[in-house]
Amino acid sequence: MQLSRAVVVLVVLFWAGTAAAETVAGEIKSFDPDKRTLVLTNGVTYVLDPAVRIQTVYAGKKGQFTYSAGEKGNLVTKIDE
């Protein structure tokens, strides 16, 4: 019985520490390739994950932005046009 409780506690702790991905539709208002940050027309700033190629990111681009909100800000992991 003790093992079952330990497993439940670990699962709950893991789930609580995992940020759920969210998606927002929008248009890029500005982009700073050096800082890997972009601002959408909604005024929210996002940071690009290293896996996102900056060559495909530019002001005026519209799309669906998949991101996770965390302690260091909103991390974009995927951009779909």
PDB file of N, CA and C in Angstrom:
ATOM      1  N   MET A   1       0.823  -1.199   0.000  1.00  0.00           N
ATOM      2  CA  MET A   1       0.000   0.000   0.000  1.00  0.00           C
ATOM      3  C   MET A   1       0.868   1.264   0.000  1.00  0.00           C
ATOM      4  N   GLN A   2       1.994   1.234   0.676  1.00  0.00           N
ATOM      5  CA  GLN A   2       2.885   2.397   0.721  1.00  0.00           C
ATOM      6  C   GLN A   2       3.429   2.732  -0.669  1.00  0.00           C
ATOM      7  N   LEU A   3       3.737   1.704  -1.449  1.00  0.00           N
ATOM      8  CA  LEU A   3       4.255   1.915  -2.788  1.00  0.00           C
ATOM      9  C   LEU A   3       3.212   2.609  -3.663  1.00  0.00           C
ATOM     10  N   SER A   4       1.955   2.217  -3.541  1.00  0.00           N
ATOM     11  CA  SER A   4       0.883   2.834  -4.324  1.00  0.00           C
ATOM     12  C   SER A   4       0.764   4.322  -4.015  1.00  0.00           C
ATOM     13  N   ARG A   5       0.840   4.674  -2.761  1.00  0.00           N
ATOM     14  CA  ARG A   5       0.755   6.089  -2.377  1.00  0.00           C
ATOM     15  C   ARG A   5       1.942   6.869  -2.913  1.00  0.00           C
ATOM     16  N   ALA A   6       3.114   6.270  -2.876  1.00  0.00           N
ATOM     17  CA  ALA A   6       4.309   6.940  -3.385  1.00  0.00           C
ATOM     18  C   ALA A   6       4.188   7.196  -4.883  1.00  0.00           C
ATOM     19  N   VAL A   7       3.662   6.239  -5.610  1.00  0.00           N
ATOM     20  CA  VAL A   7       3.486   6.399  -7.049  1.00  0.00           C
ATOM     21  C   VAL A   7       2.477   7.506  -7.334  1.00  0.00           C
ATOM     22  N   VAL A   8       1.388   7.545  -6.612  1.00  0.00           N
ATOM     23  CA  VAL A   8       0.365   8.579  -6.793  1.00  0.00           C
ATOM     24  C   VAL A   8       0.966   9.955  -6.512  1.00  0.00           C
ATOM     25  N   VAL A   9       1.735  10.072  -5.459  1.00  0.00           N
ATOM     26  CA  VAL A   9       2.357  11.350  -5.109  1.00  0.00           C
ATOM     27  C   VAL A   9       3.312  11.789  -6.218  1.00  0.00           C
ATOM     28  N   LEU A  10       4.105  10.887  -6.749  1.00  0.00           N
ATOM     29  CA  LEU A  10       5.039  11.226  -7.816  1.00  0.00           C
ATOM     30  C   LEU A  10       4.312  11.671  -9.082  1.00  0.00           C
ATOM     31  N   VAL A  11       3.240  10.989  -9.424  1.00  0.00           N
ATOM     32  CA  VAL A  11       2.468  11.351 -10.608  1.00  0.00           C
ATOM     33  C   VAL A  11       1.862  12.741 -10.442  1.00  0.00           C
ATOM     34  N   VAL A  12       1.309  13.022  -9.287  1.00  0.00           N
ATOM     35  CA  VAL A  12       0.700  14.334  -9.023  1.00  0.00           C
ATOM     36  C   VAL A  12       1.762  15.430  -9.089  1.00  0.00           C
ATOM     37  N   LEU A  13       2.919  15.200  -8.496  1.00  0.00           N
ATOM     38  CA  LEU A  13       3.989  16.192  -8.522  1.00  0.00           C
ATOM     39  C   LEU A  13       4.492  16.430  -9.948  1.00  0.00           C
ATOM     40  N   PHE A  14       4.610  15.363 -10.720  1.00  0.00           N
ATOM     41  CA  PHE A  14       5.060  15.510 -12.103  1.00  0.00           C
ATOM     42  C   PHE A  14       4.050  16.322 -12.906  1.00  0.00           C
ATOM     43  N   TRP A  15       2.780  15.983 -12.775  1.00  0.00           N
ATOM     44  CA  TRP A  15       1.743  16.671 -13.531  1.00  0.00           C
ATOM     45  C   TRP A  15       1.656  18.144 -13.140  1.00  0.00           C
ATOM     46  N   ALA A  16       1.801  18.434 -11.863  1.00  0.00           N
ATOM     47  CA  ALA A  16       1.719  19.817 -11.392  1.00  0.00           C
ATOM     48  C   ALA A  16       2.879  20.647 -11.926  1.00  0.00           C
ATOM     49  N   GLY A  17       4.030  20.029 -12.158  1.00  0.00           N
ATOM     50  CA  GLY A  17       5.198  20.755 -12.629  1.00  0.00           C
ATOM     51  C   GLY A  17       5.280  20.870 -14.135  1.00  0.00           C
ATOM     52  N   THR A  18       4.386  20.238 -14.850  1.00  0.00           N
ATOM     53  CA  THR A  18       4.408  20.262 -16.304  1.00  0.00           C
ATOM     54  C   THR A  18       3.459  21.333 -16.822  1.00  0.00           C
ATOM     55  N   ALA A  19       4.012  22.260 -17.600  1.00  0.00           N
ATOM     56  CA  ALA A  19       3.166  23.316 -18.161  1.00  0.00           C
ATOM     57  C   ALA A  19       2.422  22.783 -19.375  1.00  0.00           C
ATOM     58  N   ALA A  20       1.158  23.068 -19.427  1.00  0.00           N
ATOM     59  CA  ALA A  20       0.346  22.629 -20.560  1.00  0.00           C
ATOM     60  C   ALA A  20       0.553  23.597 -21.725  1.00  0.00           C
ATOM     61  N   ALA A  21       0.681  23.040 -22.912  1.00  0.00           N
ATOM     62  CA  ALA A  21       0.846  23.873 -24.104  1.00  0.00           C
ATOM     63  C   ALA A  21      -0.489  24.525 -24.455  1.00  0.00           C
ATOM     64  N   GLU A  22      -0.401  25.775 -24.877  1.00  0.00           N
ATOM     65  CA  GLU A  22      -1.574  26.522 -25.301  1.00  0.00           C
ATOM     66  C   GLU A  22      -1.321  27.046 -26.708  1.00  0.00           C
ATOM     67  N   THR A  23      -2.374  27.425 -27.393  1.00  0.00           N
ATOM     68  CA  THR A  23      -2.247  27.961 -28.748  1.00  0.00           C
ATOM     69  C   THR A  23      -2.970  29.296 -28.840  1.00  0.00           C
ATOM     70  N   VAL A  24      -2.338  30.232 -29.539  1.00  0.00           N
ATOM     71  CA  VAL A  24      -2.953  31.530 -29.778  1.00  0.00           C
ATOM     72  C   VAL A  24      -2.791  31.856 -31.264  1.00  0.00           C
ATOM     73  N   ALA A  25      -3.855  32.372 -31.855  1.00  0.00           N
ATOM     74  CA  ALA A  25      -3.786  32.829 -33.244  1.00  0.00           C
ATOM     75  C   ALA A  25      -3.430  34.301 -33.225  1.00  0.00           C
ATOM     76  N   GLY A  26      -2.567  34.714 -34.137  1.00  0.00           N
ATOM     77  CA  GLY A  26      -2.208  36.121 -34.145  1.00  0.00           C
ATOM     78  C   GLY A  26      -1.269  36.493 -35.267  1.00  0.00           C
ATOM     79  N   GLU A  27      -0.813  37.738 -35.192  1.00  0.00           N
ATOM     80  CA  GLU A  27       0.121  38.286 -36.163  1.00  0.00           C
ATOM     81  C   GLU A  27       1.300  38.884 -35.407  1.00  0.00           C
ATOM     82  N   ILE A  28       2.497  38.651 -35.933  1.00  0.00           N
ATOM     83  CA  ILE A  28       3.696  39.176 -35.286  1.00  0.00           C
ATOM     84  C   ILE A  28       3.798  40.673 -35.555  1.00  0.00           C
ATOM     85  N   LYS A  29       3.840  41.441 -34.482  1.00  0.00           N
ATOM     86  CA  LYS A  29       3.978  42.896 -34.583  1.00  0.00           C
ATOM     87  C   LYS A  29       5.451  43.269 -34.729  1.00  0.00           C
ATOM     88  N   SER A  30       6.306  42.627 -33.910  1.00  0.00           N
ATOM     89  CA  SER A  30       7.740  42.881 -33.986  1.00  0.00           C
ATOM     90  C   SER A  30       8.504  41.620 -33.604  1.00  0.00           C
ATOM     91  N   PHE A  31       9.747  41.528 -34.101  1.00  0.00           N
ATOM     92  CA  PHE A  31      10.584  40.364 -33.854  1.00  0.00           C
ATOM     93  C   PHE A  31      12.024  40.798 -33.652  1.00  0.00           C
ATOM     94  N   ASP A  32      12.662  40.303 -32.585  1.00  0.00           N
ATOM     95  CA  ASP A  32      14.072  40.573 -32.300  1.00  0.00           C
ATOM     96  C   ASP A  32      14.828  39.253 -32.417  1.00  0.00           C
ATOM     97  N   PRO A  33      15.536  39.036 -33.532  1.00  0.00           N
ATOM     98  CA  PRO A  33      16.220  37.762 -33.731  1.00  0.00           C
ATOM     99  C   PRO A  33      17.368  37.524 -32.748  1.00  0.00           C
ATOM    100  N   ASP A  34      18.004  38.592 -32.270  1.00  0.00           N
ATOM    101  CA  ASP A  34      19.110  38.432 -31.321  1.00  0.00           C
ATOM    102  C   ASP A  34      18.633  37.903 -29.975  1.00  0.00           C
ATOM    103  N   LYS A  35      17.489  38.412 -29.532  1.00  0.00           N
ATOM    104  CA  LYS A  35      16.919  37.961 -28.254  1.00  0.00           C
ATOM    105  C   LYS A  35      15.954  36.802 -28.436  1.00  0.00           C
ATOM    106  N   ARG A  36      15.611  36.489 -29.705  1.00  0.00           N
ATOM    107  CA  ARG A  36      14.640  35.432 -30.033  1.00  0.00           C
ATOM    108  C   ARG A  36      13.281  35.721 -29.389  1.00  0.00           C
ATOM    109  N   THR A  37      12.887  36.983 -29.400  1.00  0.00           N
ATOM    110  CA  THR A  37      11.590  37.378 -28.849  1.00  0.00           C
ATOM    111  C   THR A  37      10.717  37.962 -29.945  1.00  0.00           C
ATOM    112  N   LEU A  38       9.420  37.775 -29.787  1.00  0.00           N
ATOM    113  CA  LEU A  38       8.467  38.372 -30.701  1.00  0.00           C
ATOM    114  C   LEU A  38       7.303  38.907 -29.894  1.00  0.00           C
ATOM    115  N   VAL A  39       6.675  39.924 -30.449  1.00  0.00           N
ATOM    116  CA  VAL A  39       5.486  40.517 -29.842  1.00  0.00           C
ATOM    117  C   VAL A  39       4.369  40.369 -30.854  1.00  0.00           C
ATOM    118  N   LEU A  40       3.255  39.805 -30.408  1.00  0.00           N
ATOM    119  CA  LEU A  40       2.091  39.702 -31.281  1.00  0.00           C
ATOM    120  C   LEU A  40       1.300  40.998 -31.207  1.00  0.00           C
ATOM    121  N   THR A  41       0.364  41.166 -32.144  1.00  0.00           N
ATOM    122  CA  THR A  41      -0.454  42.381 -32.158  1.00  0.00           C
ATOM    123  C   THR A  41      -1.347  42.481 -30.921  1.00  0.00           C
ATOM    124  N   ASN A  42      -1.477  41.379 -30.159  1.00  0.00           N
ATOM    125  CA  ASN A  42      -2.245  41.442 -28.903  1.00  0.00           C
ATOM    126  C   ASN A  42      -1.422  42.055 -27.771  1.00  0.00           C
ATOM    127  N   GLY A  43      -0.125  42.376 -28.062  1.00  0.00           N
ATOM    128  CA  GLY A  43       0.738  43.029 -27.082  1.00  0.00           C
ATOM    129  C   GLY A  43       1.526  42.086 -26.192  1.00  0.00           C
ATOM    130  N   VAL A  44       1.337  40.794 -26.344  1.00  0.00           N
ATOM    131  CA  VAL A  44       2.021  39.813 -25.502  1.00  0.00           C
ATOM    132  C   VAL A  44       3.364  39.441 -26.135  1.00  0.00           C
ATOM    133  N   THR A  45       4.407  39.385 -25.296  1.00  0.00           N
ATOM    134  CA  THR A  45       5.752  39.016 -25.738  1.00  0.00           C
ATOM    135  C   THR A  45       5.968  37.520 -25.542  1.00  0.00           C
ATOM    136  N   TYR A  46       6.626  36.908 -26.510  1.00  0.00           N
ATOM    137  CA  TYR A  46       6.922  35.471 -26.488  1.00  0.00           C
ATOM    138  C   TYR A  46       8.403  35.274 -26.790  1.00  0.00           C
ATOM    139  N   VAL A  47       8.969  34.197 -26.268  1.00  0.00           N
ATOM    140  CA  VAL A  47      10.354  33.809 -26.535  1.00  0.00           C
ATOM    141  C   VAL A  47      10.315  32.554 -27.388  1.00  0.00           C
ATOM    142  N   LEU A  48      11.165  32.500 -28.422  1.00  0.00           N
ATOM    143  CA  LEU A  48      11.198  31.334 -29.296  1.00  0.00           C
ATOM    144  C   LEU A  48      12.068  30.228 -28.709  1.00  0.00           C
ATOM    145  N   ASP A  49      11.537  29.033 -28.726  1.00  0.00           N
ATOM    146  CA  ASP A  49      12.297  27.848 -28.351  1.00  0.00           C
ATOM    147  C   ASP A  49      13.459  27.706 -29.338  1.00  0.00           C
ATOM    148  N   PRO A  50      14.617  27.192 -28.890  1.00  0.00           N
ATOM    149  CA  PRO A  50      15.742  27.009 -29.811  1.00  0.00           C
ATOM    150  C   PRO A  50      15.415  26.131 -31.028  1.00  0.00           C
ATOM    151  N   ALA A  51      14.412  25.273 -30.927  1.00  0.00           N
ATOM    152  CA  ALA A  51      14.038  24.395 -32.042  1.00  0.00           C
ATOM    153  C   ALA A  51      13.296  25.139 -33.156  1.00  0.00           C
ATOM    154  N   VAL A  52      12.769  26.332 -32.877  1.00  0.00           N
ATOM    155  CA  VAL A  52      12.044  27.113 -33.882  1.00  0.00           C
ATOM    156  C   VAL A  52      13.064  27.882 -34.722  1.00  0.00           C
ATOM    157  N   ARG A  53      13.013  27.684 -36.028  1.00  0.00           N
ATOM    158  CA  ARG A  53      13.951  28.342 -36.939  1.00  0.00           C
ATOM    159  C   ARG A  53      13.581  29.819 -37.094  1.00  0.00           C
ATOM    160  N   ILE A  54      14.508  30.705 -36.763  1.00  0.00           N
ATOM    161  CA  ILE A  54      14.210  32.141 -36.840  1.00  0.00           C
ATOM    162  C   ILE A  54      14.138  32.645 -38.281  1.00  0.00           C
ATOM    163  N   GLN A  55      14.645  31.866 -39.240  1.00  0.00           N
ATOM    164  CA  GLN A  55      14.591  32.285 -40.631  1.00  0.00           C
ATOM    165  C   GLN A  55      13.148  32.367 -41.136  1.00  0.00           C
ATOM    166  N   THR A  56      12.229  31.702 -40.464  1.00  0.00           N
ATOM    167  CA  THR A  56      10.826  31.692 -40.890  1.00  0.00           C
ATOM    168  C   THR A  56       9.967  32.680 -40.107  1.00  0.00           C
ATOM    169  N   VAL A  57      10.607  33.479 -39.252  1.00  0.00           N
ATOM    170  CA  VAL A  57       9.871  34.405 -38.379  1.00  0.00           C
ATOM    171  C   VAL A  57      10.131  35.838 -38.844  1.00  0.00           C
ATOM    172  N   TYR A  58       9.045  36.618 -38.997  1.00  0.00           N
ATOM    173  CA  TYR A  58       9.176  38.003 -39.434  1.00  0.00           C
ATOM    174  C   TYR A  58       7.924  38.785 -39.019  1.00  0.00           C
ATOM    175  N   ALA A  59       8.084  40.101 -38.890  1.00  0.00           N
ATOM    176  CA  ALA A  59       6.944  40.969 -38.568  1.00  0.00           C
ATOM    177  C   ALA A  59       5.922  40.876 -39.685  1.00  0.00           C
ATOM    178  N   GLY A  60       4.664  40.758 -39.294  1.00  0.00           N
ATOM    179  CA  GLY A  60       3.575  40.635 -40.251  1.00  0.00           C
ATOM    180  C   GLY A  60       3.131  39.199 -40.482  1.00  0.00           C
ATOM    181  N   LYS A  61       3.922  38.240 -40.034  1.00  0.00           N
ATOM    182  CA  LYS A  61       3.555  36.830 -40.209  1.00  0.00           C
ATOM    183  C   LYS A  61       2.342  36.504 -39.342  1.00  0.00           C
ATOM    184  N   LYS A  62       1.370  35.819 -39.945  1.00  0.00           N
ATOM    185  CA  LYS A  62       0.178  35.391 -39.216  1.00  0.00           C
ATOM    186  C   LYS A  62       0.247  33.890 -39.026  1.00  0.00           C
ATOM    187  N   GLY A  63      -0.325  33.412 -37.928  1.00  0.00           N
ATOM    188  CA  GLY A  63      -0.329  31.980 -37.708  1.00  0.00           C
ATOM    189  C   GLY A  63      -0.873  31.574 -36.358  1.00  0.00           C
ATOM    190  N   GLN A  64      -0.717  30.296 -36.076  1.00  0.00           N
ATOM    191  CA  GLN A  64      -1.081  29.704 -34.784  1.00  0.00           C
ATOM    192  C   GLN A  64       0.230  29.485 -34.030  1.00  0.00           C
ATOM    193  N   PHE A  65       0.336  30.037 -32.857  1.00  0.00           N
ATOM    194  CA  PHE A  65       1.551  29.964 -32.060  1.00  0.00           C
ATOM    195  C   PHE A  65       1.298  29.045 -30.863  1.00  0.00           C
ATOM    196  N   THR A  66       2.025  27.938 -30.811  1.00  0.00           N
ATOM    197  CA  THR A  66       1.910  27.008 -29.690  1.00  0.00           C
ATOM    198  C   THR A  66       2.975  27.393 -28.675  1.00  0.00           C
ATOM    199  N   TYR A  67       2.555  27.602 -27.418  1.00  0.00           N
ATOM    200  CA  TYR A  67       3.490  28.056 -26.403  1.00  0.00           C
ATOM    201  C   TYR A  67       3.152  27.457 -25.047  1.00  0.00           C
ATOM    202  N   SER A  68       4.127  27.535 -24.160  1.00  0.00           N
ATOM    203  CA  SER A  68       3.930  27.137 -22.765  1.00  0.00           C
ATOM    204  C   SER A  68       4.292  28.327 -21.895  1.00  0.00           C
ATOM    205  N   ALA A  69       3.419  28.666 -20.968  1.00  0.00           N
ATOM    206  CA  ALA A  69       3.686  29.756 -20.038  1.00  0.00           C
ATOM    207  C   ALA A  69       4.516  29.210 -18.881  1.00  0.00           C
ATOM    208  N   GLY A  70       5.596  29.891 -18.569  1.00  0.00           N
ATOM    209  CA  GLY A  70       6.459  29.440 -17.487  1.00  0.00           C
ATOM    210  C   GLY A  70       7.012  30.608 -16.704  1.00  0.00           C
ATOM    211  N   GLU A  71       7.925  30.300 -15.800  1.00  0.00           N
ATOM    212  CA  GLU A  71       8.515  31.327 -14.953  1.00  0.00           C
ATOM    213  C   GLU A  71       9.299  32.357 -15.758  1.00  0.00           C
ATOM    214  N   LYS A  72       9.868  31.941 -16.887  1.00  0.00           N
ATOM    215  CA  LYS A  72      10.686  32.839 -17.701  1.00  0.00           C
ATOM    216  C   LYS A  72       9.915  33.456 -18.853  1.00  0.00           C
ATOM    217  N   GLY A  73       8.607  33.279 -18.879  1.00  0.00           N
ATOM    218  CA  GLY A  73       7.789  33.877 -19.926  1.00  0.00           C
ATOM    219  C   GLY A  73       7.078  32.840 -20.773  1.00  0.00           C
ATOM    220  N   ASN A  74       6.571  33.293 -21.894  1.00  0.00           N
ATOM    221  CA  ASN A  74       5.825  32.436 -22.823  1.00  0.00           C
ATOM    222  C   ASN A  74       6.795  31.890 -23.864  1.00  0.00           C
ATOM    223  N   LEU A  75       7.005  30.580 -23.871  1.00  0.00           N
ATOM    224  CA  LEU A  75       7.962  29.937 -24.758  1.00  0.00           C
ATOM    225  C   LEU A  75       7.226  29.326 -25.951  1.00  0.00           C
ATOM    226  N   VAL A  76       7.459  29.886 -27.145  1.00  0.00           N
ATOM    227  CA  VAL A  76       6.848  29.373 -28.376  1.00  0.00           C
ATOM    228  C   VAL A  76       7.636  28.167 -28.838  1.00  0.00           C
ATOM    229  N   THR A  77       6.929  27.053 -29.010  1.00  0.00           N
ATOM    230  CA  THR A  77       7.567  25.815 -29.452  1.00  0.00           C
ATOM    231  C   THR A  77       7.215  25.446 -30.885  1.00  0.00           C
ATOM    232  N   LYS A  78       6.175  26.110 -31.446  1.00  0.00           N
ATOM    233  CA  LYS A  78       5.744  25.771 -32.796  1.00  0.00           C
ATOM    234  C   LYS A  78       4.946  26.923 -33.381  1.00  0.00           C
ATOM    235  N   ILE A  79       5.155  27.170 -34.680  1.00  0.00           N
ATOM    236  CA  ILE A  79       4.382  28.179 -35.397  1.00  0.00           C
ATOM    237  C   ILE A  79       3.788  27.514 -36.632  1.00  0.00           C
ATOM    238  N   ASP A  80       2.470  27.545 -36.741  1.00  0.00           N
ATOM    239  CA  ASP A  80       1.765  27.011 -37.904  1.00  0.00           C
ATOM    240  C   ASP A  80       1.125  28.158 -38.654  1.00  0.00           C
ATOM    241  N   GLU A  81       1.284  28.150 -39.959  1.00  0.00           N
ATOM    242  CA  GLU A  81       0.668  29.221 -40.773  1.00  0.00           C
ATOM    243  C   GLU A  81      -0.759  28.875 -41.101  1.00  0.00           C
TER     244      GLU A  81
END
